[in-house]
Amino acid sequence: MAHLQLQKVGKSYGAVEVIPGIDFEINSGEFLVLVGPSGSGKSTLLKMIAGLEETTSGKILVDGEDITHLDPSARDLAMVFQSYALYPHMTVRDNMSFALRMRGEDPAEIDRRVKEAVVMLDLGGLEGRKPGQLSGGQRQRVAMGRCVVRNPKLFLFDEPLSNLDAKLRAQTRIEIRRLHERLNATSIFVTHDQVEAMTMADRIALLKDGKLQQIGSPQDLYLRPKNTFVATFIGTPEMNLMPGQIETVEGVFQFGGMQLPASQERQSRLTAAMKPGMPVKVGIRPEHFEIVPAGTKGALEIKVNVVEWLGHEIFIFGQSSFGAIGVRVPEGMAVAPSAKDVLSIRPVSDRWHVFDAASGDNLLAE
């Protein structure tokens, strides 16, 4: 295990600054996921940690030791790539043992570690096969096995599931997380897929344009997003954002005719954070609406356009006075909505957010 610190780590290519300077820590034994859209700097940051890219500024510390300018081979880490990076002419056994043989490890010790990794990764019976004779999921497990046998301080994963189909991605997610738990390792996993981030991470670091938007547990980013980018990137379907102004009518928050039920504490916090007439965006996740009887005071009407039935849940998408909107239908609803239906909905108390329309910052962020 290793404790990793990034101190104002930045990267520029000539005059182009891709990462202006990032600070955060990864605790020993933690599984941290770097997530963000293409071009956000997550793979570049991972490569700087690995030593495959030179840092322009800042320091990278592992257990207090400055490794910023060490060669990759001296950093005691292992990396799993998107492309597997296996030697096509070598067997599974030879691919997994190659780095140990190059380091001159004892043959008996190499054999022991490879056998342990084969069992751990369910590769029994495949030791004599070459990569071309394996499925995509098996190749990825071999790539992970090559890292496991080295017993490094840090495991780095650079979008390792991108080449797998949906079913294999789900299976391999579980395998990687299980491997992490068994090894009690410190792991950094890069992905552009927020579902992978939500299901695998102890903590998520969300990047945009090389800047850290928020770092915290999956629950933190989902339930307490710091800005509109975090709110819409995390969650499927994404959070509904509706522009307008909040008014107080007889002690009740009103937003374009829709009532925003709130506890006394929330009313006090929002009143303190929001100036009268301030342009805002109200954010509500699809599952944080409730369907109410037609004509309910303070409800919002939505004309259904599309119904997505996913087996365990139903999402409806339609038009409202705020524009397009998505709503999760509660489980067990007697009659599921269909296209062209008109529903009345309203937000659940305290399960909505208010963002500054100009900055995008969450006015209710703790």
Protein backbone atom coordinates (compact mmCIF):
# COMPACT_ATOMS: atom_id res chain seq x y z
CA MET A 1 0.00 0.00 0.00
CA ALA A 2 1.06 3.58 -0.59
CA HIS A 3 -0.05 7.07 0.30
CA LEU A 4 0.03 9.37 -2.74
CA GLN A 5 0.13 13.17 -2.70
CA LEU A 6 -0.17 15.50 -5.67
CA GLN A 7 1.06 19.01 -4.89
CA LYS A 8 0.08 21.59 -7.53
CA VAL A 9 0.89 19.10 -10.31
CA GLY A 10 0.60 20.83 -13.69
CA LYS A 11 1.22 20.03 -17.33
CA SER A 12 1.78 22.27 -20.34
CA TYR A 13 2.66 21.52 -23.96
CA GLY A 14 4.49 24.66 -25.00
CA ALA A 15 2.11 27.57 -24.44
CA VAL A 16 -0.90 25.26 -24.04
CA GLU A 17 -1.72 24.54 -20.40
CA VAL A 18 -3.71 21.29 -20.12
CA ILE A 19 -3.53 20.88 -16.34
CA PRO A 20 -3.09 24.18 -14.46
CA GLY A 21 -2.23 22.58 -11.11
CA ILE A 22 -3.95 19.85 -9.13
CA ASP A 23 -3.79 19.13 -5.40
CA PHE A 24 -5.20 16.03 -3.72
CA GLU A 25 -4.21 12.96 -1.70
CA ILE A 26 -4.96 9.27 -2.12
CA ASN A 27 -4.98 7.29 1.09
CA SER A 28 -3.28 3.93 1.55
CA GLY A 29 -5.48 1.10 0.33
CA GLU A 30 -7.93 3.47 -1.37
CA PHE A 31 -9.54 2.94 -4.79
CA LEU A 32 -9.73 6.35 -6.43
CA VAL A 33 -11.35 6.89 -9.83
CA LEU A 34 -10.32 9.78 -12.08
CA VAL A 35 -13.31 10.53 -14.28
CA GLY A 36 -14.20 13.20 -16.79
CA PRO A 37 -15.02 13.77 -20.45
CA SER A 38 -12.47 13.33 -23.24
CA GLY A 39 -9.77 15.95 -23.01
CA SER A 40 -10.25 16.59 -19.30
CA GLY A 41 -6.66 15.60 -18.48
CA LYS A 42 -7.31 12.39 -16.54
CA SER A 43 -5.05 10.10 -18.61
CA THR A 44 -2.34 12.77 -18.73
CA LEU A 45 -2.46 13.01 -14.95
CA LEU A 46 -2.21 9.23 -14.61
CA LYS A 47 0.77 9.13 -16.97
CA MET A 48 2.53 11.80 -14.89
CA ILE A 49 2.02 9.66 -11.80
CA ALA A 50 3.44 6.69 -13.72
CA GLY A 51 6.39 8.70 -15.03
CA LEU A 52 5.34 8.30 -18.66
CA GLU A 53 4.79 12.07 -18.92
CA GLU A 54 7.05 14.73 -17.42
CA THR A 55 5.39 17.17 -15.04
CA THR A 56 5.69 20.86 -15.87
CA SER A 57 5.21 21.93 -12.27
CA GLY A 58 4.45 20.55 -8.83
CA LYS A 59 5.44 17.44 -6.93
CA ILE A 60 4.31 13.80 -6.74
CA LEU A 61 4.98 12.14 -3.39
CA VAL A 62 4.59 8.46 -2.47
CA ASP A 63 4.78 7.80 1.27
CA GLY A 64 6.44 11.21 1.61
CA GLU A 65 9.15 10.46 -0.99
CA ASP A 66 9.38 12.78 -3.99
CA ILE A 67 9.11 10.62 -7.13
CA THR A 68 8.37 13.48 -9.54
CA HIS A 69 11.46 12.95 -11.65
CA LEU A 70 12.15 9.25 -11.06
CA ASP A 71 12.19 6.85 -14.01
CA PRO A 72 9.00 4.76 -14.32
CA SER A 73 10.94 1.60 -13.44
CA ALA A 74 12.01 3.13 -10.10
CA ARG A 75 8.49 4.13 -8.95
CA ASP A 76 7.32 0.68 -7.82
CA LEU A 77 3.98 0.82 -9.58
CA ALA A 78 2.16 -1.25 -12.18
CA MET A 79 -0.11 -0.06 -14.95
CA VAL A 80 -2.95 -1.76 -16.84
CA PHE A 81 -3.57 -0.22 -20.24
CA GLN A 82 -6.70 0.02 -22.39
CA SER A 83 -4.97 -1.97 -25.15
CA TYR A 84 -3.80 -4.80 -22.80
CA ALA A 85 -0.20 -4.35 -24.12
CA LEU A 86 0.52 -8.10 -24.07
CA TYR A 87 3.37 -9.70 -25.99
CA PRO A 88 1.58 -11.64 -28.77
CA HIS A 89 4.34 -14.26 -29.16
CA MET A 90 4.42 -15.14 -25.43
CA THR A 91 2.14 -17.43 -23.46
CA VAL A 92 -0.01 -16.27 -20.58
CA ARG A 93 2.59 -17.57 -18.13
CA ASP A 94 5.45 -15.81 -19.94
CA ASN A 95 3.55 -12.52 -20.23
CA MET A 96 2.84 -12.54 -16.51
CA SER A 97 6.37 -13.44 -15.47
CA PHE A 98 8.29 -11.30 -17.97
CA ALA A 99 8.98 -8.30 -15.70
CA LEU A 100 10.09 -10.54 -12.85
CA ARG A 101 12.47 -12.44 -15.11
CA MET A 102 13.94 -9.17 -16.39
CA ARG A 103 14.59 -8.17 -12.76
CA GLY A 104 16.41 -11.45 -12.12
CA GLU A 105 13.95 -12.75 -9.51
CA ASP A 106 14.36 -16.27 -8.19
CA PRO A 107 12.64 -18.74 -10.62
CA ALA A 108 10.89 -20.54 -7.75
CA GLU A 109 9.51 -17.23 -6.44
CA ILE A 110 8.38 -16.25 -9.96
CA ASP A 111 6.56 -19.55 -10.33
CA ARG A 112 4.84 -19.12 -6.95
CA ARG A 113 3.63 -15.61 -7.73
CA VAL A 114 2.36 -16.55 -11.19
CA LYS A 115 0.46 -19.54 -9.82
CA GLU A 116 -1.16 -17.34 -7.14
CA ALA A 117 -2.19 -14.78 -9.76
CA VAL A 118 -3.60 -17.48 -12.06
CA VAL A 119 -5.84 -18.75 -9.27
CA MET A 120 -6.81 -15.25 -8.14
CA LEU A 121 -7.83 -14.21 -11.67
CA ASP A 122 -9.46 -17.48 -12.71
CA LEU A 123 -6.97 -18.15 -15.50
CA GLY A 124 -6.39 -21.82 -14.69
CA GLY A 125 -5.83 -23.93 -17.80
CA LEU A 126 -4.91 -20.92 -19.93
CA GLU A 127 -1.28 -20.61 -18.88
CA GLY A 128 0.05 -22.09 -22.14
CA ARG A 129 -2.13 -20.03 -24.48
CA LYS A 130 -1.04 -16.94 -26.37
CA PRO A 131 -3.07 -13.67 -26.37
CA GLY A 132 -4.55 -14.38 -29.80
CA GLN A 133 -6.21 -17.49 -28.35
CA LEU A 134 -7.94 -15.59 -25.54
CA SER A 135 -11.13 -13.55 -25.28
CA GLY A 136 -11.01 -9.82 -24.53
CA GLY A 137 -11.92 -10.40 -20.89
CA GLN A 138 -9.23 -13.08 -20.50
CA ARG A 139 -6.59 -10.81 -22.04
CA GLN A 140 -7.50 -8.06 -19.61
CA ARG A 141 -7.15 -10.48 -16.70
CA VAL A 142 -3.72 -11.49 -17.98
CA ALA A 143 -2.75 -7.80 -18.10
CA MET A 144 -3.92 -7.45 -14.50
CA GLY A 145 -2.03 -10.61 -13.54
CA ARG A 146 1.17 -9.17 -14.96
CA CYS A 147 0.76 -6.31 -12.48
CA VAL A 148 -0.30 -8.48 -9.54
CA VAL A 149 2.83 -10.66 -9.63
CA ARG A 150 5.00 -7.57 -9.19
CA ASN A 151 3.29 -6.69 -5.87
CA PRO A 152 3.70 -2.93 -6.46
CA LYS A 153 2.89 -0.03 -4.15
CA LEU A 154 0.45 1.48 -6.65
CA PHE A 155 -1.91 0.02 -9.27
CA LEU A 156 -2.78 2.33 -12.17
CA PHE A 157 -5.63 1.50 -14.57
CA ASP A 158 -5.94 3.55 -17.79
CA GLU A 159 -9.46 2.92 -19.14
CA PRO A 160 -8.94 -0.88 -19.05
CA LEU A 161 -12.58 -1.73 -19.86
CA SER A 162 -13.04 0.39 -22.99
CA ASN A 163 -12.43 -2.50 -25.39
CA LEU A 164 -14.92 -4.87 -23.73
CA ASP A 165 -18.59 -5.36 -24.52
CA ALA A 166 -21.25 -4.33 -22.00
CA LYS A 167 -21.55 -7.70 -20.25
CA LEU A 168 -17.79 -8.17 -19.97
CA ARG A 169 -17.39 -4.62 -18.70
CA ALA A 170 -19.78 -5.35 -15.84
CA GLN A 171 -18.03 -8.63 -15.00
CA THR A 172 -14.55 -7.12 -15.17
CA ARG A 173 -15.59 -4.18 -12.97
CA ILE A 174 -16.43 -6.69 -10.26
CA GLU A 175 -13.19 -8.60 -10.82
CA ILE A 176 -11.04 -5.46 -10.56
CA ARG A 177 -12.78 -4.31 -7.40
CA ARG A 178 -12.50 -7.80 -5.88
CA LEU A 179 -8.81 -7.90 -6.79
CA HIS A 180 -8.30 -4.54 -5.10
CA GLU A 181 -9.94 -5.79 -1.90
CA ARG A 182 -7.88 -8.98 -1.84
CA LEU A 183 -4.59 -7.19 -2.38
CA ASN A 184 -5.53 -4.25 -0.11
CA ALA A 185 -3.76 -2.14 -2.72
CA THR A 186 -3.77 1.57 -3.48
CA SER A 187 -5.39 1.91 -6.90
CA ILE A 188 -6.08 4.74 -9.37
CA PHE A 189 -8.56 4.01 -12.14
CA VAL A 190 -9.15 6.31 -15.13
CA THR A 191 -12.43 6.25 -17.03
CA HIS A 192 -14.79 8.54 -18.94
CA ASP A 193 -17.74 6.38 -17.84
CA GLN A 194 -19.49 7.76 -14.76
CA VAL A 195 -21.22 4.39 -14.14
CA GLU A 196 -17.81 2.75 -13.73
CA ALA A 197 -16.78 5.55 -11.41
CA MET A 198 -19.93 5.28 -9.28
CA THR A 199 -19.81 1.49 -8.94
CA MET A 200 -16.08 1.03 -8.31
CA ALA A 201 -14.72 4.02 -6.40
CA ASP A 202 -14.07 4.64 -2.75
CA ARG A 203 -13.69 8.24 -3.89
CA ILE A 204 -14.13 9.97 -7.25
CA ALA A 205 -12.05 12.86 -8.60
CA LEU A 206 -14.02 14.57 -11.38
CA LEU A 207 -11.98 16.61 -13.87
CA LYS A 208 -12.95 19.14 -16.51
CA ASP A 209 -10.45 21.02 -18.69
CA GLY A 210 -7.62 19.89 -16.42
CA LYS A 211 -9.27 21.29 -13.30
CA LEU A 212 -10.56 19.32 -10.33
CA GLN A 213 -14.30 19.97 -10.04
CA GLN A 214 -15.02 17.83 -6.98
CA ILE A 215 -13.48 14.95 -5.06
CA GLY A 216 -15.41 12.74 -2.67
CA SER A 217 -17.37 9.54 -2.31
CA PRO A 218 -19.81 8.55 -5.08
CA GLN A 219 -22.63 9.54 -2.70
CA ASP A 220 -21.09 12.99 -2.17
CA LEU A 221 -20.92 13.75 -5.88
CA TYR A 222 -24.38 12.37 -6.57
CA LEU A 223 -26.27 13.89 -3.63
CA ARG A 224 -24.17 17.02 -3.01
CA PRO A 225 -22.75 18.22 -6.35
CA LYS A 226 -20.70 21.39 -6.06
CA ASN A 227 -21.71 22.80 -9.45
CA THR A 228 -23.84 22.18 -12.51
CA PHE A 229 -21.08 20.25 -14.30
CA VAL A 230 -20.83 17.69 -11.49
CA ALA A 231 -24.63 17.56 -11.22
CA THR A 232 -25.16 16.70 -14.89
CA PHE A 233 -22.07 14.49 -15.41
CA ILE A 234 -22.81 12.18 -12.49
CA GLY A 235 -26.08 10.28 -12.77
CA THR A 236 -28.01 8.54 -15.55
CA PRO A 237 -30.32 10.03 -16.73
CA GLU A 238 -28.73 13.34 -15.81
CA MET A 239 -30.16 15.88 -13.40
CA ASN A 240 -32.87 18.20 -14.76
CA LEU A 241 -31.68 21.83 -14.75
CA MET A 242 -34.38 24.50 -15.01
CA PRO A 243 -33.54 28.23 -15.30
CA GLY A 244 -35.57 30.91 -13.59
CA GLN A 245 -36.04 32.78 -10.32
CA ILE A 246 -37.26 31.53 -6.95
CA GLU A 247 -39.93 33.57 -5.19
CA THR A 248 -41.28 33.28 -1.67
CA VAL A 249 -45.09 33.29 -1.50
CA GLU A 250 -46.65 33.06 1.97
CA GLY A 251 -43.48 31.44 3.29
CA VAL A 252 -43.34 28.85 0.49
CA PHE A 253 -40.72 28.73 -2.30
CA GLN A 254 -42.27 29.03 -5.77
CA PHE A 255 -40.40 28.45 -9.00
CA GLY A 256 -42.27 29.19 -12.22
CA GLY A 257 -45.51 28.05 -10.62
CA MET A 258 -43.95 24.91 -9.16
CA GLN A 259 -43.76 24.59 -5.39
CA LEU A 260 -40.38 23.67 -3.87
CA PRO A 261 -41.11 21.99 -0.53
CA ALA A 262 -38.35 22.61 2.00
CA SER A 263 -37.51 22.07 5.64
CA GLN A 264 -37.00 25.07 7.88
CA GLU A 265 -33.24 24.54 7.79
CA ARG A 266 -33.17 24.53 3.98
CA GLN A 267 -35.35 27.63 3.81
CA SER A 268 -32.94 29.46 6.13
CA ARG A 269 -29.83 28.38 4.21
CA LEU A 270 -31.24 29.29 0.82
CA THR A 271 -32.58 32.64 2.00
CA ALA A 272 -29.11 33.49 3.32
CA ALA A 273 -27.33 32.36 0.11
CA MET A 274 -29.68 33.81 -2.51
CA LYS A 275 -30.24 37.47 -3.33
CA PRO A 276 -33.79 38.62 -4.24
CA GLY A 277 -34.45 38.25 -7.99
CA MET A 278 -31.22 36.30 -8.48
CA PRO A 279 -31.17 34.16 -11.68
CA VAL A 280 -30.71 30.52 -10.71
CA LYS A 281 -31.01 27.01 -12.06
CA VAL A 282 -33.03 24.56 -10.00
CA GLY A 283 -31.71 21.00 -10.30
CA ILE A 284 -33.85 17.93 -9.64
CA ARG A 285 -32.89 14.34 -10.35
CA PRO A 286 -35.48 12.20 -12.17
CA GLU A 287 -36.09 10.04 -9.08
CA HIS A 288 -36.64 13.06 -6.85
CA PHE A 289 -39.97 13.94 -8.40
CA GLU A 290 -43.22 12.46 -7.19
CA ILE A 291 -46.32 11.99 -9.33
CA VAL A 292 -49.38 13.70 -7.84
CA PRO A 293 -53.05 13.90 -8.83
CA ALA A 294 -53.94 16.27 -11.67
CA GLY A 295 -54.80 19.74 -10.40
CA THR A 296 -52.56 19.51 -7.31
CA LYS A 297 -51.56 23.00 -6.23
CA GLY A 298 -47.92 23.81 -6.96
CA ALA A 299 -47.45 20.82 -9.27
CA LEU A 300 -45.73 20.90 -12.67
CA GLU A 301 -47.41 19.41 -15.72
CA ILE A 302 -45.39 17.31 -18.12
CA LYS A 303 -46.50 15.98 -21.52
CA VAL A 304 -44.93 12.56 -22.00
CA ASN A 305 -42.95 12.06 -25.24
CA VAL A 306 -40.90 8.91 -24.57
CA VAL A 307 -41.19 6.05 -22.09
CA GLU A 308 -38.09 3.93 -21.35
CA TRP A 309 -38.89 0.61 -19.70
CA LEU A 310 -35.75 -0.91 -18.16
CA GLY A 311 -37.35 -3.81 -16.29
CA HIS A 312 -36.56 -2.70 -12.76
CA GLU A 313 -37.50 0.92 -13.40
CA ILE A 314 -39.23 3.22 -15.88
CA PHE A 315 -38.11 6.65 -17.03
CA ILE A 316 -40.34 9.10 -18.84
CA PHE A 317 -39.14 12.06 -20.87
CA GLY A 318 -41.38 14.89 -21.91
CA GLN A 319 -42.00 18.60 -22.18
CA SER A 320 -42.86 21.05 -19.43
CA SER A 321 -42.99 24.81 -19.10
CA PHE A 322 -39.24 24.60 -18.35
CA GLY A 323 -38.50 22.58 -21.49
CA ALA A 324 -37.39 18.93 -21.70
CA ILE A 325 -37.57 17.01 -18.44
CA GLY A 326 -36.99 13.43 -17.23
CA VAL A 327 -38.81 11.66 -14.41
CA ARG A 328 -38.39 8.23 -12.84
CA VAL A 329 -41.71 6.46 -12.40
CA PRO A 330 -42.07 5.01 -8.89
CA GLU A 331 -41.84 1.24 -8.60
CA GLY A 332 -45.23 -0.46 -8.37
CA MET A 333 -47.19 2.27 -10.14
CA ALA A 334 -50.50 0.69 -11.13
CA VAL A 335 -50.57 2.00 -14.70
CA ALA A 336 -47.33 3.04 -16.38
CA PRO A 337 -47.50 6.28 -18.39
CA SER A 338 -47.49 6.16 -22.16
CA ALA A 339 -46.61 8.70 -24.85
CA LYS A 340 -48.91 11.74 -25.00
CA ASP A 341 -50.08 11.28 -21.39
CA VAL A 342 -50.02 14.41 -19.23
CA LEU A 343 -48.70 13.97 -15.69
CA SER A 344 -48.54 16.26 -12.70
CA ILE A 345 -45.28 16.11 -10.76
CA ARG A 346 -43.57 17.96 -7.93
CA PRO A 347 -40.19 17.71 -6.21
CA VAL A 348 -39.70 15.74 -3.02
CA SER A 349 -38.91 17.90 0.01
CA ASP A 350 -35.23 18.90 0.30
CA ARG A 351 -34.21 16.73 -2.66
CA TRP A 352 -33.59 19.62 -5.04
CA HIS A 353 -30.63 21.91 -5.65
CA VAL A 354 -30.18 25.58 -6.51
CA PHE A 355 -27.26 26.70 -8.66
CA ASP A 356 -26.07 30.23 -9.38
CA ALA A 357 -26.99 30.77 -13.06
CA ALA A 358 -23.77 32.73 -13.68
CA SER A 359 -21.10 30.66 -11.89
CA GLY A 360 -22.86 27.28 -11.79
CA ASP A 361 -22.01 26.90 -8.08
CA ASN A 362 -24.43 25.04 -5.83
CA LEU A 363 -25.89 27.60 -3.40
CA LEU A 364 -26.85 24.81 -1.00
CA ALA A 365 -23.46 23.04 -1.04
CA GLU A 366 -22.23 22.15 2.43
